[in-house]
């Protein structure tokens, strides 16, 4: 019986904290767009990996410049 005196207030406080966390998530926009992230995976970016590689690797920049001179835009070979 003595444990109920501890468990009931603890459970009420826990429910109160969960309610505050849920209310905060609703107000901050966590549930505004539930389908957008799922469709964003399927969107086709042109070549974002090639752009990132070009920023970090001078070899990719050189091969892209050579491809532009030849008139074709073949992606560089990954090595």
Protein backbone atom coordinates (compact mmCIF):
# COMPACT_ATOMS: atom_id res chain seq x y z
CA UNK A 1 0.00 0.00 0.00
CA UNK A 2 2.86 2.37 0.77
CA UNK A 3 4.22 1.95 -2.76
CA UNK A 4 0.99 3.36 -4.19
CA UNK A 5 1.69 6.61 -2.37
CA UNK A 6 4.89 6.83 -4.42
CA UNK A 7 3.77 5.31 -7.74
CA UNK A 8 0.62 7.38 -8.27
CA UNK A 9 2.33 10.81 -7.98
CA UNK A 10 5.25 9.59 -10.09
CA UNK A 11 2.88 8.38 -12.82
CA UNK A 12 0.92 11.66 -12.75
CA UNK A 13 4.15 13.64 -13.12
CA UNK A 14 5.28 11.35 -15.94
CA UNK A 15 1.99 11.78 -17.82
CA UNK A 16 2.27 15.55 -17.32
CA UNK A 17 5.82 15.59 -18.75
CA UNK A 18 4.79 13.46 -21.74
CA UNK A 19 1.88 15.84 -22.38
CA UNK A 20 4.22 18.84 -22.31
CA UNK A 21 6.63 17.13 -24.72
CA UNK A 22 3.77 16.30 -27.11
CA UNK A 23 2.36 19.82 -26.94
CA UNK A 24 5.82 21.29 -27.63
CA UNK A 25 6.29 19.01 -30.65
CA UNK A 26 2.93 20.09 -32.07
CA UNK A 27 3.74 23.79 -31.60
CA UNK A 28 7.23 23.50 -33.08
CA UNK A 29 5.94 21.93 -36.31
CA UNK A 30 7.20 18.38 -35.92
CA UNK A 31 4.03 16.93 -37.45
CA UNK A 32 3.36 19.52 -40.17
CA UNK A 33 4.58 17.50 -43.17
CA UNK A 34 4.35 13.76 -42.62
CA UNK A 35 4.62 12.69 -46.30
CA UNK A 36 7.23 15.15 -47.60
CA UNK A 37 10.35 13.38 -46.29
CA UNK A 38 9.16 10.06 -47.74
CA UNK A 39 8.78 11.60 -51.22
CA UNK A 40 12.02 13.57 -50.91
CA UNK A 41 13.95 10.29 -50.97
CA UNK A 42 12.53 9.55 -54.40
CA UNK A 43 13.35 12.96 -55.89
CA UNK A 44 16.14 12.79 -58.44
CA UNK A 45 18.89 15.33 -57.92
CA UNK A 46 21.00 15.78 -61.04
CA UNK A 47 24.35 14.67 -59.69
CA UNK A 48 24.82 15.88 -56.11
CA UNK A 49 27.55 13.32 -55.40
CA UNK A 50 29.57 14.52 -58.39
CA UNK A 51 29.26 18.11 -57.18
CA UNK A 52 30.48 17.12 -53.71
CA UNK A 53 33.36 15.18 -55.21
CA UNK A 54 34.28 18.14 -57.41
CA UNK A 55 34.48 20.37 -54.36
CA UNK A 56 36.89 18.05 -52.58
CA UNK A 57 38.90 16.47 -55.41
CA UNK A 58 40.88 18.42 -58.04
CA UNK A 59 41.03 15.30 -60.26
CA UNK A 60 37.27 15.36 -60.75
CA UNK A 61 37.37 19.04 -61.71
CA UNK A 62 40.02 18.34 -64.34
CA UNK A 63 38.11 15.42 -65.86
CA UNK A 64 34.90 17.50 -65.95
CA UNK A 65 36.72 20.34 -67.71
CA UNK A 66 38.12 17.88 -70.27
CA UNK A 67 34.62 16.51 -70.83
CA UNK A 68 33.26 20.01 -71.43
CA UNK A 69 36.01 20.69 -73.95
CA UNK A 70 35.11 17.52 -75.85
CA UNK A 71 31.44 18.43 -75.76
CA UNK A 72 30.21 15.49 -73.71
CA UNK A 73 29.25 15.47 -70.06
CA UNK A 74 30.25 11.96 -69.07
CA UNK A 75 30.54 11.50 -65.31
CA UNK A 76 34.09 10.97 -64.11
CA UNK A 77 35.19 7.48 -63.22
CA UNK A 78 35.26 6.74 -59.52
CA UNK A 79 38.62 5.45 -58.43
